[in-house]
Amino acid sequence: MPQKTPDYLYEKSNIVRLILFTAVFALGFINIYHPFGSFESIKATPYIFFLYSSLITLTGVLVVVISRIIMYYYCKKHDLQLIYYGLWVLAEILAMSSFFALFEKLALNDIRPFDELMKVSAMNTSLVLLLPYTILWLYFSWTDKKKRLEKIDQEDNVPIHTKKGMLSFHDEKGELKLSVQSDQLLYLESADNYVKIHFLNKGKITHFMLRNSLKNLDESLTNTPMIRCHRSFVVNFDKVKVLRKEKDGIYLAMDEENIPDIPVSKTYTERVMAKFALYSV
């Protein structure tokens, strides 16, 4: 079965870190190593050369910026398999290599054949991108495992919420914005940089927009009836009336009218079925 790319690789904060780190690394690499020989034709002081090469380098890094923005919005709605992530990175290398090769050929009038320029540019660009990518992947993996261990430790020490307990929701700054009785809470839905909280208020379905990520809220709802079932949904399993398996996947039907069935993605199927088994005991 194809392996899914870890979520931490396309979290917004990690994408920003990757872009900044790659830009700094590329800038240092090019100014120290001088991999593009035709840059030497620029007759200028070291300071002017640094400014000039910095402008060219950062322009090239725009390829990464555009690519990662596209990846972020794509992965909000789709799962990205690991093999396709590798092909995505390869496409970034080829795009940036083409930029540097064309710059050397057209702007710096390099006399070497274009295929030779492309080959050299691809080798250097691979170093410029793959080294910081690898370093950050290891760092993101380490921090993700650290968070998971902390979550497990919290689960061992946090008392289980009762069905009638209050569930509190904080925004991205940690400020309390909403508290709801757990038996009145229906589900959470991702909405760009916000989460739409659906709940019952005086018997009517209403919602509250909270500026935070679904991932953060999911982590804060440990040991509650709330469970992540999809990239865009966290449901109150106490309010699930029917778990239905169709050809295209599993769907959860809530015990309130006018609520569309909520899909369960493959990523969270095992977790949902384990929760279902717990409720079936």
C-alpha atoms as a PDB file:
ATOM      1  CA  MET A   1       0.000   0.000   0.000  1.00  0.00           C
ATOM      2  CA  PRO A   2       1.469   3.433  -0.935  1.00  0.00           C
ATOM      3  CA  GLN A   3       2.821   5.347   2.045  1.00  0.00           C
ATOM      4  CA  LYS A   4       1.281   8.723   2.777  1.00  0.00           C
ATOM      5  CA  THR A   5       3.521  11.764   3.149  1.00  0.00           C
ATOM      6  CA  PRO A   6       3.703  12.848   6.831  1.00  0.00           C
ATOM      7  CA  ASP A   7       1.359  15.739   7.606  1.00  0.00           C
ATOM      8  CA  TYR A   8       4.144  17.787   9.193  1.00  0.00           C
ATOM      9  CA  LEU A   9       5.828  18.253   5.796  1.00  0.00           C
ATOM     10  CA  TYR A  10       3.017  20.474   4.541  1.00  0.00           C
ATOM     11  CA  GLU A  11       1.906  22.238   7.696  1.00  0.00           C
ATOM     12  CA  LYS A  12       1.852  25.983   7.094  1.00  0.00           C
ATOM     13  CA  SER A  13       4.413  26.811   9.810  1.00  0.00           C
ATOM     14  CA  ASN A  14       6.809  24.116   8.589  1.00  0.00           C
ATOM     15  CA  ILE A  15       6.473  25.259   4.974  1.00  0.00           C
ATOM     16  CA  VAL A  16       7.474  28.782   6.068  1.00  0.00           C
ATOM     17  CA  ARG A  17      10.479  27.341   7.945  1.00  0.00           C
ATOM     18  CA  LEU A  18      11.474  25.285   4.914  1.00  0.00           C
ATOM     19  CA  ILE A  19      11.325  28.279   2.561  1.00  0.00           C
ATOM     20  CA  LEU A  20      13.341  30.540   4.876  1.00  0.00           C
ATOM     21  CA  PHE A  21      15.948  27.896   5.706  1.00  0.00           C
ATOM     22  CA  THR A  22      16.346  26.929   2.041  1.00  0.00           C
ATOM     23  CA  ALA A  23      16.782  30.569   1.030  1.00  0.00           C
ATOM     24  CA  VAL A  24      19.478  31.158   3.669  1.00  0.00           C
ATOM     25  CA  PHE A  25      21.213  27.874   2.840  1.00  0.00           C
ATOM     26  CA  ALA A  26      21.165  28.577  -0.911  1.00  0.00           C
ATOM     27  CA  LEU A  27      22.489  32.093  -0.373  1.00  0.00           C
ATOM     28  CA  GLY A  28      25.365  30.865   1.772  1.00  0.00           C
ATOM     29  CA  PHE A  29      26.110  27.922  -0.510  1.00  0.00           C
ATOM     30  CA  ILE A  30      26.349  30.008  -3.677  1.00  0.00           C
ATOM     31  CA  ASN A  31      28.401  32.801  -2.110  1.00  0.00           C
ATOM     32  CA  ILE A  32      30.854  30.433  -0.423  1.00  0.00           C
ATOM     33  CA  TYR A  33      31.116  27.640  -2.974  1.00  0.00           C
ATOM     34  CA  HIS A  34      30.502  29.670  -6.177  1.00  0.00           C
ATOM     35  CA  PRO A  35      29.019  26.681  -8.016  1.00  0.00           C
ATOM     36  CA  PHE A  36      27.921  28.646 -11.085  1.00  0.00           C
ATOM     37  CA  GLY A  37      31.167  29.476 -12.841  1.00  0.00           C
ATOM     38  CA  SER A  38      29.822  32.212 -15.052  1.00  0.00           C
ATOM     39  CA  PHE A  39      28.987  34.285 -11.980  1.00  0.00           C
ATOM     40  CA  GLU A  40      32.723  34.911 -11.852  1.00  0.00           C
ATOM     41  CA  SER A  41      32.416  37.058 -14.976  1.00  0.00           C
ATOM     42  CA  ILE A  42      30.790  39.702 -12.823  1.00  0.00           C
ATOM     43  CA  LYS A  43      33.587  42.193 -12.146  1.00  0.00           C
ATOM     44  CA  ALA A  44      32.624  43.734  -8.847  1.00  0.00           C
ATOM     45  CA  THR A  45      33.657  44.070  -5.228  1.00  0.00           C
ATOM     46  CA  PRO A  46      32.766  41.155  -2.912  1.00  0.00           C
ATOM     47  CA  TYR A  47      29.950  43.257  -1.455  1.00  0.00           C
ATOM     48  CA  ILE A  48      28.407  44.004  -4.868  1.00  0.00           C
ATOM     49  CA  PHE A  49      28.875  40.378  -5.899  1.00  0.00           C
ATOM     50  CA  PHE A  50      27.049  39.286  -2.740  1.00  0.00           C
ATOM     51  CA  LEU A  51      24.131  41.608  -3.472  1.00  0.00           C
ATOM     52  CA  TYR A  52      23.977  40.516  -7.100  1.00  0.00           C
ATOM     53  CA  SER A  53      24.165  36.790  -6.385  1.00  0.00           C
ATOM     54  CA  SER A  54      21.673  37.204  -3.533  1.00  0.00           C
ATOM     55  CA  LEU A  55      19.127  38.722  -5.890  1.00  0.00           C
ATOM     56  CA  ILE A  56      19.577  35.885  -8.397  1.00  0.00           C
ATOM     57  CA  THR A  57      19.496  33.221  -5.683  1.00  0.00           C
ATOM     58  CA  LEU A  58      16.360  34.527  -4.022  1.00  0.00           C
ATOM     59  CA  THR A  59      14.671  34.836  -7.413  1.00  0.00           C
ATOM     60  CA  GLY A  60      15.436  31.159  -7.964  1.00  0.00           C
ATOM     61  CA  VAL A  61      14.039  30.285  -4.540  1.00  0.00           C
ATOM     62  CA  LEU A  62      10.711  31.728  -5.700  1.00  0.00           C
ATOM     63  CA  VAL A  63      10.295  28.356  -7.411  1.00  0.00           C
ATOM     64  CA  VAL A  64      10.171  26.750  -3.955  1.00  0.00           C
ATOM     65  CA  VAL A  65       7.786  29.419  -2.658  1.00  0.00           C
ATOM     66  CA  ILE A  66       5.297  28.906  -5.492  1.00  0.00           C
ATOM     67  CA  SER A  67       5.656  25.125  -5.344  1.00  0.00           C
ATOM     68  CA  ARG A  68       5.041  24.908  -1.591  1.00  0.00           C
ATOM     69  CA  ILE A  69       2.031  27.234  -1.731  1.00  0.00           C
ATOM     70  CA  ILE A  70       0.499  24.949  -4.346  1.00  0.00           C
ATOM     71  CA  MET A  71       1.371  21.897  -2.228  1.00  0.00           C
ATOM     72  CA  TYR A  72      -0.216  23.441   0.880  1.00  0.00           C
ATOM     73  CA  TYR A  73      -3.562  24.085  -0.801  1.00  0.00           C
ATOM     74  CA  TYR A  74      -3.520  20.761  -2.648  1.00  0.00           C
ATOM     75  CA  CYS A  75      -2.875  18.780   0.540  1.00  0.00           C
ATOM     76  CA  LYS A  76      -5.715  20.527   2.360  1.00  0.00           C
ATOM     77  CA  LYS A  77      -8.106  18.543   0.163  1.00  0.00           C
ATOM     78  CA  HIS A  78      -6.068  15.523  -0.949  1.00  0.00           C
ATOM     79  CA  ASP A  79      -3.664  12.988   0.497  1.00  0.00           C
ATOM     80  CA  LEU A  80      -0.187  13.114  -1.051  1.00  0.00           C
ATOM     81  CA  GLN A  81       1.572   9.771  -1.363  1.00  0.00           C
ATOM     82  CA  LEU A  82       5.281   9.679  -0.501  1.00  0.00           C
ATOM     83  CA  ILE A  83       6.286   8.705  -4.032  1.00  0.00           C
ATOM     84  CA  TYR A  84       4.495  11.752  -5.423  1.00  0.00           C
ATOM     85  CA  TYR A  85       6.174  13.967  -2.826  1.00  0.00           C
ATOM     86  CA  GLY A  86       9.516  12.727  -4.180  1.00  0.00           C
ATOM     87  CA  LEU A  87       8.428  13.534  -7.736  1.00  0.00           C
ATOM     88  CA  TRP A  88       7.277  16.966  -6.543  1.00  0.00           C
ATOM     89  CA  VAL A  89      10.752  17.672  -5.121  1.00  0.00           C
ATOM     90  CA  LEU A  90      12.317  16.453  -8.379  1.00  0.00           C
ATOM     91  CA  ALA A  91      10.123  18.882 -10.295  1.00  0.00           C
ATOM     92  CA  GLU A  92      11.323  21.715  -8.013  1.00  0.00           C
ATOM     93  CA  ILE A  93      14.938  20.797  -8.753  1.00  0.00           C
ATOM     94  CA  LEU A  94      14.325  20.723 -12.509  1.00  0.00           C
ATOM     95  CA  ALA A  95      12.455  24.033 -12.440  1.00  0.00           C
ATOM     96  CA  MET A  96      15.172  25.813 -10.456  1.00  0.00           C
ATOM     97  CA  SER A  97      17.913  24.199 -12.572  1.00  0.00           C
ATOM     98  CA  SER A  98      16.237  25.491 -15.721  1.00  0.00           C
ATOM     99  CA  PHE A  99      16.080  28.979 -14.226  1.00  0.00           C
ATOM    100  CA  PHE A 100      19.805  29.060 -13.381  1.00  0.00           C
ATOM    101  CA  ALA A 101      20.815  27.488 -16.714  1.00  0.00           C
ATOM    102  CA  LEU A 102      18.758  30.018 -18.687  1.00  0.00           C
ATOM    103  CA  PHE A 103      20.152  32.867 -16.593  1.00  0.00           C
ATOM    104  CA  GLU A 104      23.730  31.803 -17.295  1.00  0.00           C
ATOM    105  CA  LYS A 105      23.039  31.356 -21.005  1.00  0.00           C
ATOM    106  CA  LEU A 106      20.993  34.484 -21.670  1.00  0.00           C
ATOM    107  CA  ALA A 107      22.033  36.996 -19.020  1.00  0.00           C
ATOM    108  CA  LEU A 108      25.690  36.045 -18.539  1.00  0.00           C
ATOM    109  CA  ASN A 109      26.327  34.911 -22.154  1.00  0.00           C
ATOM    110  CA  ASP A 110      27.892  31.602 -21.112  1.00  0.00           C
ATOM    111  CA  ILE A 111      29.375  29.950 -24.207  1.00  0.00           C
ATOM    112  CA  ARG A 112      28.897  26.370 -22.990  1.00  0.00           C
ATOM    113  CA  PRO A 113      26.132  24.242 -24.605  1.00  0.00           C
ATOM    114  CA  PHE A 114      22.782  24.502 -22.853  1.00  0.00           C
ATOM    115  CA  ASP A 115      22.643  20.780 -22.042  1.00  0.00           C
ATOM    116  CA  GLU A 116      25.986  21.082 -20.244  1.00  0.00           C
ATOM    117  CA  LEU A 117      24.752  24.128 -18.338  1.00  0.00           C
ATOM    118  CA  MET A 118      21.599  22.236 -17.415  1.00  0.00           C
ATOM    119  CA  LYS A 119      23.583  19.243 -16.164  1.00  0.00           C
ATOM    120  CA  VAL A 120      25.880  21.349 -13.977  1.00  0.00           C
ATOM    121  CA  SER A 121      22.953  23.444 -12.764  1.00  0.00           C
ATOM    122  CA  ALA A 122      20.948  20.324 -11.855  1.00  0.00           C
ATOM    123  CA  MET A 123      23.826  18.934  -9.795  1.00  0.00           C
ATOM    124  CA  ASN A 124      24.329  22.190  -7.899  1.00  0.00           C
ATOM    125  CA  THR A 125      20.617  22.785  -7.446  1.00  0.00           C
ATOM    126  CA  SER A 126      20.228  19.278  -6.020  1.00  0.00           C
ATOM    127  CA  LEU A 127      22.722  20.213  -3.315  1.00  0.00           C
ATOM    128  CA  VAL A 128      21.034  23.567  -2.731  1.00  0.00           C
ATOM    129  CA  LEU A 129      17.621  21.927  -2.185  1.00  0.00           C
ATOM    130  CA  LEU A 130      18.187  18.359  -1.011  1.00  0.00           C
ATOM    131  CA  LEU A 131      20.562  19.212   1.837  1.00  0.00           C
ATOM    132  CA  PRO A 132      18.229  21.687   3.615  1.00  0.00           C
ATOM    133  CA  TYR A 133      15.203  19.492   2.771  1.00  0.00           C
ATOM    134  CA  THR A 134      16.847  16.482   4.421  1.00  0.00           C
ATOM    135  CA  ILE A 135      17.927  18.451   7.482  1.00  0.00           C
ATOM    136  CA  LEU A 136      14.454  19.898   7.956  1.00  0.00           C
ATOM    137  CA  TRP A 137      12.730  16.556   7.359  1.00  0.00           C
ATOM    138  CA  LEU A 138      14.781  15.062  10.210  1.00  0.00           C
ATOM    139  CA  TYR A 139      14.013  18.070  12.411  1.00  0.00           C
ATOM    140  CA  PHE A 140      10.274  18.014  11.644  1.00  0.00           C
ATOM    141  CA  SER A 141      10.170  14.255  12.271  1.00  0.00           C
ATOM    142  CA  TRP A 142      11.919  14.704  15.615  1.00  0.00           C
ATOM    143  CA  THR A 143       9.584  17.489  16.758  1.00  0.00           C
ATOM    144  CA  ASP A 144       6.526  15.501  15.616  1.00  0.00           C
ATOM    145  CA  LYS A 145       7.628  12.438  17.592  1.00  0.00           C
ATOM    146  CA  LYS A 146       8.308  14.665  20.583  1.00  0.00           C
ATOM    147  CA  LYS A 147       4.767  16.075  20.390  1.00  0.00           C
ATOM    148  CA  ARG A 148       3.323  12.557  20.119  1.00  0.00           C
ATOM    149  CA  LEU A 149       5.223  11.423  23.203  1.00  0.00           C
ATOM    150  CA  GLU A 150       4.039  14.491  25.121  1.00  0.00           C
ATOM    151  CA  LYS A 151       0.466  13.749  24.012  1.00  0.00           C
ATOM    152  CA  ILE A 152       0.746  10.148  25.218  1.00  0.00           C
ATOM    153  CA  ASP A 153       2.090  11.403  28.536  1.00  0.00           C
ATOM    154  CA  GLN A 154      -0.828  13.839  28.824  1.00  0.00           C
ATOM    155  CA  GLU A 155      -3.291  11.067  28.041  1.00  0.00           C
ATOM    156  CA  ASP A 156      -1.902   9.071  30.935  1.00  0.00           C
ATOM    157  CA  ASN A 157      -2.352  11.970  33.338  1.00  0.00           C
ATOM    158  CA  VAL A 158      -5.449  13.850  32.152  1.00  0.00           C
ATOM    159  CA  PRO A 159      -8.763  12.645  33.609  1.00  0.00           C
ATOM    160  CA  ILE A 160     -11.369  11.463  31.098  1.00  0.00           C
ATOM    161  CA  HIS A 161     -14.083  14.019  30.354  1.00  0.00           C
ATOM    162  CA  THR A 162     -17.579  12.960  31.202  1.00  0.00           C
ATOM    163  CA  LYS A 163     -20.311  13.106  28.589  1.00  0.00           C
ATOM    164  CA  LYS A 164     -21.912  16.067  30.356  1.00  0.00           C
ATOM    165  CA  GLY A 165     -18.602  17.917  30.763  1.00  0.00           C
ATOM    166  CA  MET A 166     -17.776  21.271  29.212  1.00  0.00           C
ATOM    167  CA  LEU A 167     -15.389  21.341  26.272  1.00  0.00           C
ATOM    168  CA  SER A 168     -13.429  24.552  25.898  1.00  0.00           C
ATOM    169  CA  PHE A 169     -12.021  25.982  22.683  1.00  0.00           C
ATOM    170  CA  HIS A 170      -9.122  28.426  22.477  1.00  0.00           C
ATOM    171  CA  ASP A 171      -7.911  30.416  19.480  1.00  0.00           C
ATOM    172  CA  GLU A 172      -4.388  30.262  18.056  1.00  0.00           C
ATOM    173  CA  LYS A 173      -3.223  32.779  20.690  1.00  0.00           C
ATOM    174  CA  GLY A 174      -4.490  30.584  23.523  1.00  0.00           C
ATOM    175  CA  GLU A 175      -7.469  32.791  24.388  1.00  0.00           C
ATOM    176  CA  LEU A 176     -10.677  31.049  25.458  1.00  0.00           C
ATOM    177  CA  LYS A 177     -13.395  31.783  22.899  1.00  0.00           C
ATOM    178  CA  LEU A 178     -16.092  29.140  23.429  1.00  0.00           C
ATOM    179  CA  SER A 179     -17.204  26.448  25.887  1.00  0.00           C
ATOM    180  CA  VAL A 180     -19.848  23.885  24.977  1.00  0.00           C
ATOM    181  CA  GLN A 181     -21.445  20.988  26.802  1.00  0.00           C
ATOM    182  CA  SER A 182     -20.047  17.861  25.174  1.00  0.00           C
ATOM    183  CA  ASP A 183     -23.546  16.449  24.608  1.00  0.00           C
ATOM    184  CA  GLN A 184     -24.429  19.609  22.633  1.00  0.00           C
ATOM    185  CA  LEU A 185     -21.322  19.543  20.439  1.00  0.00           C
ATOM    186  CA  LEU A 186     -21.772  17.984  16.980  1.00  0.00           C
ATOM    187  CA  TYR A 187     -18.614  18.289  14.903  1.00  0.00           C
ATOM    188  CA  LEU A 188     -15.728  20.547  13.889  1.00  0.00           C
ATOM    189  CA  GLU A 189     -15.029  21.519  10.309  1.00  0.00           C
ATOM    190  CA  SER A 190     -11.861  23.006   8.840  1.00  0.00           C
ATOM    191  CA  ALA A 191     -12.384  26.326   7.024  1.00  0.00           C
ATOM    192  CA  ASP A 192      -9.038  27.685   5.757  1.00  0.00           C
ATOM    193  CA  ASN A 193      -7.387  29.393   8.746  1.00  0.00           C
ATOM    194  CA  TYR A 194     -10.487  28.860  10.887  1.00  0.00           C
ATOM    195  CA  VAL A 195     -12.410  25.965  12.374  1.00  0.00           C
ATOM    196  CA  LYS A 196     -16.202  26.006  12.225  1.00  0.00           C
ATOM    197  CA  ILE A 197     -17.611  24.537  15.441  1.00  0.00           C
ATOM    198  CA  HIS A 198     -21.101  23.074  14.967  1.00  0.00           C
ATOM    199  CA  PHE A 199     -23.214  22.654  18.096  1.00  0.00           C
ATOM    200  CA  LEU A 200     -26.772  22.797  19.431  1.00  0.00           C
ATOM    201  CA  ASN A 201     -27.999  26.038  20.950  1.00  0.00           C
ATOM    202  CA  LYS A 202     -31.527  25.921  22.379  1.00  0.00           C
ATOM    203  CA  GLY A 203     -32.246  22.923  20.161  1.00  0.00           C
ATOM    204  CA  LYS A 204     -31.077  24.625  16.967  1.00  0.00           C
ATOM    205  CA  ILE A 205     -27.910  23.823  15.043  1.00  0.00           C
ATOM    206  CA  THR A 206     -25.533  26.784  15.030  1.00  0.00           C
ATOM    207  CA  HIS A 207     -21.850  27.331  14.480  1.00  0.00           C
ATOM    208  CA  PHE A 208     -18.950  29.412  15.754  1.00  0.00           C
ATOM    209  CA  MET A 209     -15.890  30.420  13.712  1.00  0.00           C
ATOM    210  CA  LEU A 210     -12.636  29.970  15.645  1.00  0.00           C
ATOM    211  CA  ARG A 211      -9.244  31.052  14.322  1.00  0.00           C
ATOM    212  CA  ASN A 212      -7.143  27.959  14.877  1.00  0.00           C
ATOM    213  CA  SER A 213      -6.184  24.760  13.093  1.00  0.00           C
ATOM    214  CA  LEU A 214      -8.125  21.512  13.235  1.00  0.00           C
ATOM    215  CA  LYS A 215      -4.907  19.708  14.172  1.00  0.00           C
ATOM    216  CA  ASN A 216      -4.409  21.884  17.263  1.00  0.00           C
ATOM    217  CA  LEU A 217      -7.996  21.413  18.401  1.00  0.00           C
ATOM    218  CA  ASP A 218      -7.830  17.669  17.805  1.00  0.00           C
ATOM    219  CA  GLU A 219      -4.779  17.454  20.058  1.00  0.00           C
ATOM    220  CA  SER A 220      -6.562  19.444  22.781  1.00  0.00           C
ATOM    221  CA  LEU A 221      -9.585  17.097  22.746  1.00  0.00           C
ATOM    222  CA  THR A 222      -7.771  14.016  23.996  1.00  0.00           C
ATOM    223  CA  ASN A 223      -9.921  11.687  26.127  1.00  0.00           C
ATOM    224  CA  THR A 224     -13.180  13.206  24.905  1.00  0.00           C
ATOM    225  CA  PRO A 225     -15.833  11.765  22.571  1.00  0.00           C
ATOM    226  CA  MET A 226     -14.342  13.900  19.773  1.00  0.00           C
ATOM    227  CA  ILE A 227     -12.378  12.006  17.117  1.00  0.00           C
ATOM    228  CA  ARG A 228     -10.631  13.059  13.910  1.00  0.00           C
ATOM    229  CA  CYS A 229     -12.154  11.177  10.978  1.00  0.00           C
ATOM    230  CA  HIS A 230     -11.041  13.268   8.016  1.00  0.00           C
ATOM    231  CA  ARG A 231      -8.596  16.007   7.093  1.00  0.00           C
ATOM    232  CA  SER A 232     -11.496  18.462   7.396  1.00  0.00           C
ATOM    233  CA  PHE A 233     -13.622  16.952  10.187  1.00  0.00           C
ATOM    234  CA  VAL A 234     -13.585  16.031  13.862  1.00  0.00           C
ATOM    235  CA  VAL A 235     -16.857  14.439  15.048  1.00  0.00           C
ATOM    236  CA  ASN A 236     -18.495  13.873  18.426  1.00  0.00           C
ATOM    237  CA  PHE A 237     -18.790  10.092  18.408  1.00  0.00           C
ATOM    238  CA  ASP A 238     -21.527  10.288  21.037  1.00  0.00           C
ATOM    239  CA  LYS A 239     -23.657  11.966  18.363  1.00  0.00           C
ATOM    240  CA  VAL A 240     -22.976   9.402  15.634  1.00  0.00           C
ATOM    241  CA  LYS A 241     -26.087   7.366  14.869  1.00  0.00           C
ATOM    242  CA  VAL A 242     -24.911   5.214  11.962  1.00  0.00           C
ATOM    243  CA  LEU A 243     -21.526   4.087  10.646  1.00  0.00           C
ATOM    244  CA  ARG A 244     -22.083   3.148   7.010  1.00  0.00           C
ATOM    245  CA  LYS A 245     -19.585   1.523   4.655  1.00  0.00           C
ATOM    246  CA  GLU A 246     -19.998   2.335   0.960  1.00  0.00           C
ATOM    247  CA  LYS A 247     -17.930   1.446  -2.117  1.00  0.00           C
ATOM    248  CA  ASP A 248     -16.133   4.789  -1.941  1.00  0.00           C
ATOM    249  CA  GLY A 249     -15.470   4.642   1.801  1.00  0.00           C
ATOM    250  CA  ILE A 250     -17.025   4.971   5.247  1.00  0.00           C
ATOM    251  CA  TYR A 251     -19.569   7.620   6.249  1.00  0.00           C
ATOM    252  CA  LEU A 252     -20.855   8.731   9.639  1.00  0.00           C
ATOM    253  CA  ALA A 253     -24.489   9.754  10.043  1.00  0.00           C
ATOM    254  CA  MET A 254     -25.240  12.092  12.959  1.00  0.00           C
ATOM    255  CA  ASP A 255     -28.330  11.866  15.160  1.00  0.00           C
ATOM    256  CA  GLU A 256     -29.447  15.378  14.164  1.00  0.00           C
ATOM    257  CA  GLU A 257     -31.414  16.221  11.034  1.00  0.00           C
ATOM    258  CA  ASN A 258     -30.044  18.475   8.284  1.00  0.00           C
ATOM    259  CA  ILE A 259     -26.455  17.377   8.905  1.00  0.00           C
ATOM    260  CA  PRO A 260     -24.849  15.754   5.834  1.00  0.00           C
ATOM    261  CA  ASP A 261     -23.110  12.429   6.343  1.00  0.00           C
ATOM    262  CA  ILE A 262     -19.478  12.981   7.269  1.00  0.00           C
ATOM    263  CA  PRO A 263     -16.827  11.003   5.323  1.00  0.00           C
ATOM    264  CA  VAL A 264     -14.042   9.000   6.918  1.00  0.00           C
ATOM    265  CA  SER A 265     -10.778   9.198   4.967  1.00  0.00           C
ATOM    266  CA  LYS A 266      -8.410   6.229   4.673  1.00  0.00           C
ATOM    267  CA  THR A 267      -5.886   7.977   6.904  1.00  0.00           C
ATOM    268  CA  TYR A 268      -8.270   7.933   9.863  1.00  0.00           C
ATOM    269  CA  THR A 269     -10.224   4.708   9.171  1.00  0.00           C
ATOM    270  CA  GLU A 270      -8.253   2.628  11.669  1.00  0.00           C
ATOM    271  CA  ARG A 271      -8.724   5.229  14.404  1.00  0.00           C
ATOM    272  CA  VAL A 272     -12.473   5.495  13.778  1.00  0.00           C
ATOM    273  CA  MET A 273     -12.972   1.736  13.708  1.00  0.00           C
ATOM    274  CA  ALA A 274     -11.081   1.406  16.985  1.00  0.00           C
ATOM    275  CA  LYS A 275     -13.374   4.038  18.507  1.00  0.00           C
ATOM    276  CA  PHE A 276     -16.404   2.222  17.103  1.00  0.00           C
ATOM    277  CA  ALA A 277     -15.214  -1.043  18.634  1.00  0.00           C
ATOM    278  CA  LEU A 278     -14.804   0.698  21.997  1.00  0.00           C
ATOM    279  CA  TYR A 279     -18.370   2.030  21.821  1.00  0.00           C
ATOM    280  CA  SER A 280     -19.667  -1.418  20.825  1.00  0.00           C
ATOM    281  CA  VAL A 281     -18.383  -3.109  23.971  1.00  0.00           C
END
